[in-house]
Structures are given as C-alpha cells and as structure tokens.
Protein backbone atom coordinates (compact mmCIF):
# COMPACT_ATOMS: atom_id res chain seq x y z
CA MET A 1 27.81 11.69 14.09
CA LYS A 2 26.15 7.72 13.85
CA PRO A 3 24.93 7.58 10.12
CA VAL A 4 22.88 5.11 9.60
CA LEU A 5 21.44 3.98 5.58
CA LEU A 6 18.45 3.13 4.73
CA ILE A 7 17.56 1.02 1.46
CA ASP A 8 14.25 1.16 -1.13
CA PHE A 9 14.57 -1.56 -3.74
CA GLY A 10 12.15 -0.91 -5.72
CA SER A 11 10.46 -2.41 -9.12
CA THR A 12 12.15 0.43 -10.98
CA TYR A 13 14.54 2.54 -8.67
CA THR A 14 16.62 1.62 -6.04
CA LYS A 15 16.55 4.45 -3.57
CA VAL A 16 18.74 5.11 -0.80
CA THR A 17 18.65 7.64 2.25
CA ALA A 18 21.30 8.46 4.82
CA VAL A 19 20.03 9.79 8.25
CA ASP A 20 22.21 11.18 11.58
CA VAL A 21 20.43 9.17 14.58
CA GLY A 22 22.66 11.30 16.85
CA GLN A 23 21.61 14.22 15.49
CA GLU A 24 18.38 13.28 14.47
CA VAL A 25 18.90 14.54 10.95
CA LEU A 26 18.31 13.99 7.48
CA LEU A 27 22.01 13.86 5.75
CA GLY A 28 21.10 13.30 1.57
CA THR A 29 18.82 10.81 -0.45
CA ALA A 30 19.95 9.53 -4.07
CA SER A 31 18.40 6.93 -6.69
CA SER A 32 19.35 4.80 -9.41
CA TYR A 33 17.92 1.89 -11.23
CA THR A 34 17.46 -1.03 -10.27
CA THR A 35 19.57 -4.08 -11.49
CA VAL A 36 17.86 -7.30 -10.21
CA GLN A 37 17.84 -8.70 -13.46
CA THR A 38 21.47 -8.81 -12.79
CA ASP A 39 23.33 -8.17 -9.74
CA ILE A 40 21.28 -5.86 -7.15
CA GLY A 41 24.03 -4.55 -5.76
CA GLU A 42 25.09 -2.76 -8.74
CA GLY A 43 22.16 -0.38 -8.69
CA LEU A 44 22.57 -0.21 -4.91
CA GLN A 45 26.43 0.76 -5.28
CA LYS A 46 25.12 3.24 -8.02
CA ALA A 47 22.73 5.00 -5.98
CA LEU A 48 25.55 4.75 -2.95
CA ASN A 49 27.88 6.79 -5.44
CA ILE A 50 25.70 9.56 -5.98
CA LEU A 51 25.16 9.92 -2.56
CA GLU A 52 28.37 10.45 -1.54
CA GLN A 53 28.81 13.56 -3.94
CA LYS A 54 26.28 14.60 -1.72
CA THR A 55 27.13 13.96 1.53
CA GLY A 56 30.82 12.89 1.48
CA LYS A 57 31.90 9.40 2.43
CA LEU A 58 30.14 8.10 5.57
CA ASP A 59 31.21 5.23 7.49
CA PHE A 60 27.68 3.96 8.24
CA ALA A 61 27.17 2.05 11.33
CA GLU A 62 24.05 0.35 10.11
CA ARG A 63 22.25 -0.53 7.45
CA TYR A 64 18.37 -1.64 6.50
CA ALA A 65 16.05 -2.07 3.75
CA CYS A 66 13.20 -3.03 2.49
CA SER A 67 11.96 -4.18 -1.30
CA SER A 68 9.16 -3.99 -3.97
CA ALA A 69 11.75 -5.68 -6.67
CA ALA A 70 11.11 -8.10 -8.57
CA GLY A 71 6.87 -7.88 -8.50
CA GLY A 72 7.41 -6.88 -4.81
CA LEU A 73 5.51 -9.61 -2.21
CA ARG A 74 2.63 -11.31 -4.23
CA MET A 75 0.06 -12.83 -3.02
CA ILE A 76 -3.58 -15.13 -3.55
CA THR A 77 -6.18 -14.97 -0.74
CA SER A 78 -9.33 -17.38 -0.52
CA GLY A 79 -12.17 -17.41 2.10
CA LEU A 80 -15.61 -17.98 2.36
CA VAL A 81 -18.19 -14.86 2.00
CA PRO A 82 -16.98 -12.33 -0.41
CA GLU A 83 -17.84 -9.05 2.22
CA LEU A 84 -16.36 -10.76 5.46
CA THR A 85 -13.67 -13.51 5.81
CA ALA A 86 -12.62 -13.30 2.19
CA GLU A 87 -12.49 -8.99 2.83
CA ALA A 88 -10.61 -9.57 5.50
CA ALA A 89 -7.96 -11.65 4.06
CA ARG A 90 -7.08 -9.69 1.27
CA GLN A 91 -6.99 -6.70 4.46
CA ALA A 92 -4.40 -8.70 6.33
CA SER A 93 -2.57 -9.42 3.02
CA LEU A 94 -2.59 -5.24 2.10
CA GLY A 95 -1.71 -4.31 5.35
CA ALA A 96 0.87 -6.92 5.25
CA GLY A 97 2.27 -4.78 2.05
CA ALA A 98 1.18 -7.20 -0.62
CA LYS A 99 0.51 -7.18 -3.97
CA VAL A 100 -2.61 -8.46 -3.74
CA ILE A 101 -3.44 -10.43 -7.61
CA ARG A 102 -6.09 -12.85 -7.00
CA VAL A 103 -9.05 -12.46 -4.17
CA TYR A 104 -11.00 -16.01 -4.29
CA SER A 105 -14.23 -16.59 -2.20
CA TYR A 106 -16.34 -19.97 -1.41
CA GLU A 107 -15.01 -23.27 -2.73
CA LEU A 108 -12.22 -23.20 -5.12
CA THR A 109 -13.16 -25.12 -8.38
CA LYS A 110 -10.78 -26.93 -11.38
CA LYS A 111 -10.70 -23.38 -12.86
CA ASP A 112 -9.80 -21.29 -9.83
CA ILE A 113 -7.11 -24.19 -9.10
CA ALA A 114 -5.35 -24.19 -12.49
CA GLU A 115 -5.13 -19.89 -11.85
CA ILE A 116 -3.71 -20.02 -8.90
CA THR A 117 -0.90 -22.66 -10.12
CA ALA A 118 -0.41 -20.30 -13.52
CA SER A 119 -0.21 -17.15 -11.11
CA ARG A 120 2.48 -18.39 -9.32
CA PRO A 121 2.08 -15.97 -6.45
CA ASP A 122 5.08 -15.77 -3.76
CA MET A 123 2.16 -16.89 -1.28
CA ILE A 124 -1.34 -17.94 -0.34
CA LEU A 125 -3.87 -17.08 2.54
CA LEU A 126 -5.65 -19.12 3.29
CA VAL A 127 -9.26 -18.34 5.34
CA GLY A 128 -12.24 -19.17 5.93
CA GLY A 129 -14.89 -19.87 8.93
CA THR A 130 -15.26 -18.38 12.32
CA ASP A 131 -14.16 -19.90 15.21
CA GLY A 132 -16.04 -23.05 15.55
CA GLY A 133 -18.44 -22.15 12.30
CA ASN A 134 -18.12 -23.07 8.82
CA SER A 135 -15.20 -25.95 7.83
CA LYS A 136 -16.48 -27.08 4.62
CA CYS A 137 -14.70 -24.40 2.47
CA ILE A 138 -11.65 -24.53 4.01
CA LEU A 139 -11.22 -27.89 4.18
CA SER A 140 -12.36 -28.14 0.72
CA ASN A 141 -10.10 -25.59 -0.16
CA ALA A 142 -7.12 -26.91 1.03
CA LYS A 143 -7.44 -30.61 -0.02
CA LYS A 144 -7.60 -29.07 -3.93
CA LEU A 145 -4.69 -27.13 -3.22
CA SER A 146 -3.05 -30.47 -1.80
CA GLN A 147 -3.51 -32.29 -5.07
CA THR A 148 -1.09 -29.67 -6.82
CA GLU A 149 2.79 -29.70 -7.03
CA PRO A 150 3.90 -27.54 -3.97
CA PHE A 151 5.48 -24.11 -5.24
CA CYS A 152 4.85 -21.40 -2.61
CA PRO A 153 4.09 -20.76 1.50
CA VAL A 154 0.17 -21.09 2.80
CA VAL A 155 -0.19 -19.53 5.38
CA ILE A 156 -3.80 -20.56 7.14
CA ALA A 157 -5.39 -18.28 8.76
CA GLY A 158 -9.07 -19.77 9.03
CA ASN A 159 -11.40 -21.23 11.58
CA ARG A 160 -9.20 -22.68 14.50
CA ASN A 161 -11.14 -26.09 14.73
CA CYS A 162 -9.90 -27.21 11.68
CA ALA A 163 -6.66 -25.39 10.89
CA ASP A 164 -4.87 -28.57 12.04
CA GLU A 165 -6.92 -30.55 9.76
CA CYS A 166 -5.76 -28.11 6.81
CA GLU A 167 -2.25 -28.30 7.95
CA GLU A 168 -2.02 -32.24 7.62
CA LEU A 169 -4.05 -31.64 4.42
CA LEU A 170 -1.04 -29.99 3.15
CA GLU A 171 1.46 -31.53 4.60
CA ASN A 172 3.98 -31.76 1.13
CA TRP A 173 3.40 -27.55 1.17
CA GLU A 174 5.59 -25.09 3.33
CA THR A 175 2.32 -24.18 5.96
CA HIS A 176 2.08 -21.81 8.41
CA VAL A 177 -0.64 -21.78 10.87
CA CYS A 178 -1.87 -18.43 12.68
CA GLU A 179 -5.21 -17.20 14.25
CA ASN A 180 -8.23 -16.95 11.88
CA VAL A 181 -8.40 -13.34 10.45
CA MET A 182 -12.17 -12.96 11.54
CA PRO A 183 -12.61 -15.31 14.90
CA LYS A 184 -16.06 -13.88 15.37
CA PHE A 185 -18.53 -12.53 13.30
CA ASN A 186 -17.69 -9.24 11.39
CA GLU A 187 -14.71 -9.00 14.05
CA LEU A 188 -11.08 -8.57 12.37
CA ASN A 189 -7.97 -9.92 13.55
CA ILE A 190 -5.45 -9.29 11.25
CA GLU A 191 -2.39 -8.59 12.99
CA PRO A 192 -1.29 -12.01 13.51
CA ALA A 193 -1.24 -13.12 9.85
CA GLN A 194 0.47 -9.82 9.14
CA GLN A 195 2.95 -10.56 11.09
CA GLU A 196 3.53 -13.66 9.70
CA ILE A 197 3.43 -12.86 6.49
CA ARG A 198 6.11 -10.34 6.67
CA GLN A 199 8.56 -13.09 8.58
CA ILE A 200 7.76 -15.40 5.61
CA PHE A 201 8.90 -12.58 3.23
CA LEU A 202 12.04 -12.09 4.90
CA ASN A 203 12.92 -15.29 5.46
CA ARG A 204 11.87 -17.00 2.34
CA ILE A 205 11.20 -14.77 -0.47
CA ILE A 206 13.86 -12.50 -0.02
CA GLN A 207 16.20 -15.92 -1.67
CA ALA A 208 13.52 -16.67 -3.96
CA LYS A 209 13.71 -12.94 -5.81
CA GLY A 210 17.33 -13.08 -5.65
CA LEU A 211 17.61 -9.88 -3.06
CA SER A 212 20.26 -11.97 -1.17
CA LYS A 213 23.16 -10.96 -3.35
CA ALA A 214 22.29 -7.40 -1.06
CA THR A 215 22.59 -9.33 2.34
CA GLU A 216 26.44 -8.46 2.85
CA LEU A 217 25.95 -4.96 2.14
CA ILE A 218 23.22 -4.26 4.79
CA SER A 219 22.37 -5.22 7.79
CA GLY A 220 19.08 -6.80 6.78
CA ILE A 221 15.64 -6.45 4.86
CA LEU A 222 13.04 -6.18 6.85
CA MET A 223 9.81 -5.73 5.03
CA PRO A 224 7.95 -5.07 2.04
CA THR A 225 8.08 -1.55 0.50
CA PRO A 226 4.79 -0.88 1.14
CA ALA A 227 4.98 -2.66 4.63
CA ALA A 228 7.71 0.32 5.58
CA MET A 229 5.55 2.65 4.21
CA MET A 230 2.26 1.76 6.05
CA ALA A 231 4.67 1.59 9.52
CA ALA A 232 5.41 5.31 8.90
CA MET A 233 1.98 6.75 8.71
CA GLN A 234 1.43 4.36 11.78
CA LEU A 235 4.72 6.42 13.76
CA LEU A 236 3.20 9.99 12.36
CA ALA A 237 -0.20 9.48 13.29
CA GLU A 238 0.09 8.05 16.82
CA GLY A 239 3.73 9.19 17.56
CA THR A 240 6.08 7.66 20.87
CA GLU A 241 5.91 7.42 24.26
CA SER A 242 8.17 10.75 24.03
CA GLU A 243 7.20 12.33 21.13
CA SER A 244 3.42 13.25 19.74
CA GLY A 245 2.22 12.05 16.42
CA ILE A 246 -0.30 14.26 14.44
CA GLY A 247 -3.38 12.48 14.63
CA GLU A 248 -5.54 10.82 12.34
CA LEU A 249 -4.13 10.90 8.78
CA ALA A 250 -4.55 9.53 5.23
CA ALA A 251 -1.82 9.28 2.51
CA ILE A 252 -1.82 8.81 -1.01
CA ASP A 253 1.41 7.20 -2.90
CA LEU A 254 0.78 8.01 -6.42
CA GLY A 255 2.87 5.62 -9.27
CA GLY A 256 3.67 5.02 -12.69
CA ALA A 257 1.54 2.03 -12.40
CA THR A 258 -0.96 2.20 -9.44
CA THR A 259 -1.91 4.90 -6.59
CA ASP A 260 -1.68 3.67 -2.71
CA VAL A 261 -3.70 4.94 -0.61
CA TYR A 262 -3.46 4.63 3.32
CA SER A 263 -5.38 5.79 6.35
CA ILE A 264 -4.86 5.55 9.91
CA ALA A 265 -8.18 6.74 11.34
CA ASP A 266 -10.71 5.42 12.95
CA GLY A 267 -13.09 5.91 10.80
CA ARG A 268 -16.74 5.17 12.76
CA PRO A 269 -19.48 7.06 12.00
CA VAL A 270 -19.62 10.65 12.31
CA GLN A 271 -23.48 11.04 11.37
CA ALA A 272 -25.97 10.62 13.38
CA ASN A 273 -28.68 7.70 13.74
CA THR A 274 -25.90 6.03 11.27
CA ILE A 275 -25.48 1.92 10.61
CA VAL A 276 -22.77 0.44 9.57
CA LYS A 277 -23.06 -2.06 6.82
CA GLY A 278 -20.60 -5.09 6.53
CA LEU A 279 -17.04 -5.70 7.65
CA MET A 280 -15.53 -3.01 10.07
CA GLU A 281 -12.83 -1.61 8.34
CA PRO A 282 -9.08 -1.80 10.04
CA TYR A 283 -7.59 1.20 11.96
CA ALA A 284 -4.87 1.02 10.15
CA LYS A 285 -6.13 0.28 6.04
CA ARG A 286 -3.86 -0.04 2.75
CA THR A 287 -5.48 0.08 -0.84
CA VAL A 288 -4.09 -0.97 -3.46
CA GLU A 289 -5.44 0.75 -7.15
CA GLY A 290 -4.11 -1.19 -9.67
CA ASP A 291 -5.74 0.13 -12.56
CA ILE A 292 -4.91 3.50 -11.54
CA GLY A 293 -1.00 5.06 -12.27
CA MET A 294 0.44 7.92 -14.19
CA ARG A 295 2.02 5.48 -16.76
CA TYR A 296 1.47 2.16 -16.96
CA SER A 297 -2.10 2.42 -16.14
CA ILE A 298 -2.72 5.65 -17.23
CA TRP A 299 -5.96 4.30 -19.25
CA GLY A 300 -7.48 3.75 -15.74
CA ILE A 301 -7.48 7.20 -15.42
CA VAL A 302 -9.63 7.86 -18.40
CA GLU A 303 -11.72 5.10 -17.65
CA ALA A 304 -12.01 6.52 -14.33
CA SER A 305 -12.92 10.35 -15.19
CA GLY A 306 -13.05 10.25 -19.00
CA ILE A 307 -11.64 12.43 -21.41
CA GLU A 308 -13.75 15.37 -21.32
CA ARG A 309 -12.91 15.65 -17.66
CA ILE A 310 -9.26 15.47 -18.53
CA SER A 311 -9.98 18.10 -21.26
CA ARG A 312 -11.36 20.49 -18.82
CA LEU A 313 -8.80 19.89 -15.92
CA SER A 314 -6.00 20.41 -18.71
CA GLY A 315 -7.68 23.17 -21.16
CA ILE A 316 -6.12 20.58 -23.60
CA ASP A 317 -8.17 19.94 -26.44
CA ALA A 318 -10.57 16.04 -25.82
CA ARG A 319 -8.64 14.78 -29.36
CA ARG A 320 -5.40 16.12 -28.15
CA ALA A 321 -5.45 14.73 -24.94
CA GLU A 322 -6.02 11.52 -25.93
CA GLU A 323 -3.39 11.46 -28.42
CA MET A 324 -1.20 12.79 -25.50
CA ILE A 325 -2.35 10.05 -23.11
CA ARG A 326 -1.73 7.14 -25.84
CA PHE A 327 1.87 8.75 -26.35
CA LEU A 328 2.16 8.43 -23.14
CA SER A 329 1.23 4.92 -22.20
CA GLU A 330 3.61 3.76 -24.72
CA ASN A 331 6.56 6.20 -23.86
CA THR A 332 6.30 5.34 -19.86
CA GLU A 333 9.41 7.37 -19.02
CA GLN A 334 8.49 10.12 -20.55
CA LEU A 335 8.44 12.95 -18.28
CA PRO A 336 6.62 16.64 -18.72
CA ASN A 337 8.99 18.97 -20.49
CA ASP A 338 6.56 21.88 -21.70
CA GLU A 339 3.80 23.91 -19.95
CA GLU A 340 1.14 21.44 -22.08
CA TRP A 341 2.66 18.50 -20.93
CA GLU A 342 2.43 20.13 -16.99
CA ARG A 343 -1.13 20.64 -17.43
CA LEU A 344 -2.07 17.19 -18.66
CA ASP A 345 -0.14 15.34 -16.13
CA PHE A 346 -1.81 18.10 -13.10
CA ALA A 347 -5.34 16.44 -14.86
CA LEU A 348 -4.08 13.35 -14.46
CA ALA A 349 -2.37 13.04 -11.11
CA SER A 350 -5.39 15.18 -9.93
CA LEU A 351 -8.04 12.60 -11.09
CA ALA A 352 -6.05 9.89 -9.72
CA VAL A 353 -5.73 10.89 -6.72
CA GLU A 354 -9.32 11.41 -6.53
CA THR A 355 -10.79 8.17 -7.87
CA ALA A 356 -8.00 6.60 -5.58
CA MET A 357 -9.33 7.78 -2.24
CA THR A 358 -12.95 7.98 -3.09
CA ARG A 359 -12.53 4.19 -3.72
CA HIS A 360 -10.67 3.85 -0.32
CA ALA A 361 -12.80 6.26 1.60
CA GLY A 362 -16.39 4.43 2.90
CA THR A 363 -19.78 5.90 1.93
CA LEU A 364 -23.18 7.00 3.44
CA GLU A 365 -26.58 6.16 1.95
CA PRO A 366 -29.61 7.81 3.32
CA VAL A 367 -32.33 4.77 3.82
CA TYR A 368 -35.96 5.31 5.25
CA THR A 369 -36.84 3.16 8.61
CA PRO A 370 -40.45 3.07 10.77
CA MET A 371 -38.28 5.31 12.64
CA GLY A 372 -37.37 7.96 10.03
CA LEU A 373 -34.32 8.69 8.16
CA ALA A 374 -31.09 7.06 8.64
CA TYR A 375 -28.01 6.72 6.77
CA SER A 376 -26.16 3.19 6.28
CA GLN A 377 -22.29 3.74 5.63
CA ALA A 378 -20.12 1.21 4.21
CA GLY A 379 -16.65 1.69 4.41
CA LYS A 380 -14.75 4.17 6.66
CA ASP A 381 -15.65 7.33 7.60
CA LEU A 382 -12.85 9.74 6.90
CA THR A 383 -14.12 13.27 7.09
CA GLU A 384 -12.78 14.01 10.51
CA VAL A 385 -8.59 13.59 9.20
CA ARG A 386 -7.13 16.28 9.34
CA ASN A 387 -4.00 15.52 7.41
CA VAL A 388 -3.25 14.30 3.96
CA VAL A 389 0.37 13.22 2.94
CA VAL A 390 1.58 12.79 -0.81
CA THR A 391 4.07 11.41 -2.19
CA GLY A 392 5.09 9.72 -5.64
CA GLY A 393 6.62 11.46 -8.95
CA ALA A 394 3.78 13.73 -10.25
CA ILE A 395 2.87 15.27 -7.39
CA ILE A 396 6.02 16.24 -5.26
CA HIS A 397 7.78 17.39 -8.83
CA THR A 398 5.82 19.73 -9.64
CA LYS A 399 4.47 23.55 -8.28
CA ARG A 400 0.45 22.57 -7.89
CA THR A 401 1.07 20.30 -5.50
CA GLY A 402 -1.53 21.57 -3.07
CA GLU A 403 -4.15 21.61 -6.42
CA ILE A 404 -3.60 18.05 -7.15
CA ALA A 405 -3.62 17.46 -3.57
CA ALA A 406 -6.68 18.85 -2.84
CA HIS A 407 -8.81 16.22 -5.14
CA SER A 408 -8.66 13.94 -1.93
CA LEU A 409 -11.00 15.90 -0.35
CA GLN A 410 -15.10 16.11 -0.47
CA ASP A 411 -16.81 17.52 -3.32
CA PRO A 412 -19.91 18.72 -1.95
CA ASN A 413 -21.77 17.43 -5.55
CA TYR A 414 -20.82 14.22 -3.72
CA PRO A 415 -21.88 14.26 -0.43
CA GLY A 416 -21.95 10.74 -0.24
CA SER A 417 -18.51 9.95 -0.24
CA LEU A 418 -16.62 9.79 3.18
CA ARG A 419 -13.09 11.67 1.91
CA PRO A 420 -11.64 14.24 4.35
CA VAL A 421 -13.81 17.83 4.51
CA ARG A 422 -11.02 19.88 5.39
CA ALA A 423 -6.74 18.75 5.42
CA GLU A 424 -3.76 20.40 5.79
CA PHE A 425 -1.44 18.61 2.91
CA LEU A 426 2.19 17.43 4.00
CA VAL A 427 4.52 16.24 1.11
CA ASP A 428 7.34 13.84 0.48
CA ARG A 429 9.82 16.10 -1.41
CA ASN A 430 12.47 13.71 -0.38
CA TYR A 431 10.46 10.07 -0.81
CA ILE A 432 12.06 9.42 2.66
CA LEU A 433 8.46 7.99 4.25
CA ALA A 434 9.45 4.47 2.90
CA ALA A 435 13.07 5.13 4.95
CA MET A 436 11.54 6.52 7.77
CA GLY A 437 9.23 3.64 8.26
CA LEU A 438 12.44 1.08 8.03
CA LEU A 439 14.24 3.40 10.72
CA GLY A 440 11.03 3.68 13.05
CA GLN A 441 11.50 -0.16 13.86
CA TYR A 442 14.91 0.85 15.26
CA TYR A 443 14.95 4.50 15.81
CA PRO A 444 10.96 5.15 16.36
CA ASP A 445 11.50 8.87 18.05
CA THR A 446 14.84 10.00 15.46
CA ALA A 447 12.24 8.80 12.38
CA LEU A 448 9.26 11.07 13.76
CA LYS A 449 11.34 13.50 14.34
CA ILE A 450 12.92 13.62 10.49
CA MET A 451 9.69 12.96 9.55
CA LYS A 452 7.40 15.96 10.91
CA LYS A 453 11.04 18.50 9.91
CA GLU A 454 10.72 17.40 6.47
CA LEU A 455 7.39 16.70 5.28
CA VAL A 456 6.39 20.22 3.76
CA ARG A 457 3.41 21.84 4.27
CA ALA A 458 1.49 22.25 0.50
CA THR A 459 -1.56 25.06 0.08
CA ARG A 460 -4.18 25.15 -2.63
C-alpha cells in the first residue's frame, strides 16, 4: 500500500481525500471547517481525525493540496478591446483558477485606478494589442499603475514590442513578462500566462494568505482549487498515453455563492453555413457565475429565472417560495430538512444549472445574406458533447440528481442555445474531482482510473 493524501483548503470546508496509488483505489474522504483565520492546520487536523475513523491510521507517503481559502486567487485584468484582448485576459485568468473581480478595457481612468487600488487584488494581468500592433493603451495603463504604491504582482502579457517598456515603467512593482495572450488578431495564446499565474500563486499568494502555516504538513500547495478541477476535467476527457479518456465533456460545480462551468471541447460550428462571431473560444474553458449560487447568491437565481418559474418547478406558491428564499439568504447554512424545502432546493439547483450552462455555451442566430440563409455563432458549440459531470452539495446530496443535471441540456423552446443535446450525467458523489486534479500532476493514470471508477452515472 502507498497512501497519498490530497487536501482542498476551501473557503468554508477543508476536504481531505486518501488514495492508495499502489492499488489505484479511493480509501476515503472527510471534511471539516476551514480555520484560515486562526491556524489553517486546525481545520486540516480535524478533517484528518474524521478520515482516520473511516480508513484507520495511515502513514501517508505524500501529501498535496490546492486552495480557494481566504477568497481564492483574486485577479483584475486590463486589456484593449472588450471582445478581444480584454476577453483573452479574462479567459487566461479564469483558466488559471482565478476569481476575476474586475475586467477593464481601453485606457484606465483615474476612477479605474482608484477602484483597482481599493479592491486590493492578489494579481493584475495587463494585456493589450497584438504583437506589433497597438501599444499606446498598455503603455498608458502601465504608466498609470506605476504612479500608485505597489501592492501585488503584475503579469504583463500584451504586445511583445512594448513589454520591456511596460516592465521598466513598473520597476517598483513585482512584474512577470510572458507571451502575448493574443499575438495575432483573434488568435488565443493563454497557456503561458496561465502557467505564470499559477507559479506566482504557488510562490507568493500562499504566503500572503497565511497558508504557509500548513507547509510542514504537506508536500506542496500546487494550484488554486478551480485549476485542480480544470486539470481533472482535462485528464478525464483526454486520458493519458496508456489510459483512454471519455472524450469531450462539460462540467458544472454548483456552490453556495458561485457556479463554475467547465468545457473540454473544440466548440467549433457543427451547423452548416455558420460563421464564428468574435473571439475563438479556448478548448479548455471555465466560466464563473458569481451571481448564481444556492445560498449566498440565491437572489441571482430568482433574478435570472423569475419567482414564477421557481414556483412552477417546485410546486410551491410563489409568495411562499419567496418567503423561503428570503430565509435561506439570511440563513446560508440551512439545509433542506423536509419535503417542501427539498422541492425548493430542487427548483433552485435546476435553474442555477440551466442559467450557468446557458451562459457558458454559445448561441446561434440565423442571418440573411445575398447568398441565402446563414448562421452566426458566438461562443462554443457544445451540442455534440455527450458527457456532463456534476458536483456540488445541492446536486450530489439529493435523489433527483439526474433531473437537476438534465437542465444543462438544450431546451427545444430555446434552439439558439448551443448546450449539449444529449448527454450522460456523471456525478461526483464523493467530492473527489479537485483531489484527482492534484493527484494527476504526479499519478495521471491512477487519477484517471479512480475517476472512471468513482463517478456515478445518473439517470433523468
């Protein structure tokens, strides 16, 4: 036996997962409240005590961790055109596992600089211009930032012809120069920036958030939790040299405050006579719906779907449903404890999934040209995706998982949405996906085999 411990320092819970990499099996999971305000090791030790009750005492050969504690990796991005370099910067940040708190386009104003300073992000991603293209915007923004007191690292990933000058302007800041996120018009190159962001997170942000207190207990905090989730999804989809993956997929992580959606898919047009509008989407894409969540962002679900729709889906009178939602928004720890509350949670979860997947997937619109009918596609076409992975408490702790997950699929009433048409649902019942993303950095075959074994198929 070779036990390995995988730790996820979450904003609310610290989750631990034990695997035997020799036998390639899951040994057990446990969780406890995260104690980042005192000593993060306290919550970890409590989770380990619970785990030991399930697995017996284990002598771990290795320990690895990811973290979204203390707000996770909070980033601000600044680019040129909203639909192009600014969007490329946002995609790079999200794919690296960051929580993007603000996105700026064009030249920063005094008000923008004041907002950035007040927001105190963990990192700033400064982009703008293709290589050899516009340099005025990124240079102006670098100069304006340079006139403020440094407070975080800046990653410069814009027009390579002025990157050195931006670095010189920001000589008092911690700067990191990497390849342009958009070296040519409409061409994404976000992987180098993502790698740099993750390395800064590992080297610097962990210290700033007090997570270094746990370093003596683990082999290393490797990445932000969403980046671990993304790594798991890519591994599950693509496989390894010796173990096949399951192919293109989408995944939904429904939380109390946000809903994260991932897609590992080409996303190019399937419909004939289709032209792509806007920036080409990354093969591995993550979006975060900060206004959609089961408790802290519960009113976002109401705003997106309407109280009448929640009422119809739950079978609860609209006035009563609104009263219950208000209670949940004020008592975020409340779990459903009878049939009525379960019906409300079902409706909320279903509509959260529907809203988040609709926003993540692309759209298709008919356009009439001199040559006849054509189509304009914005975003990714996920209609051919055949696997949807779901996780999050409201989805995995219910008997109606398949019904909730089905709301990720295309609705005939909204044919313009390019959500999956038909798909099987794979459920992360034991909350192991982030852990498998970590494990996959060292034991990819083992992580993939465990996911294939542990993800449970759900029916509608």
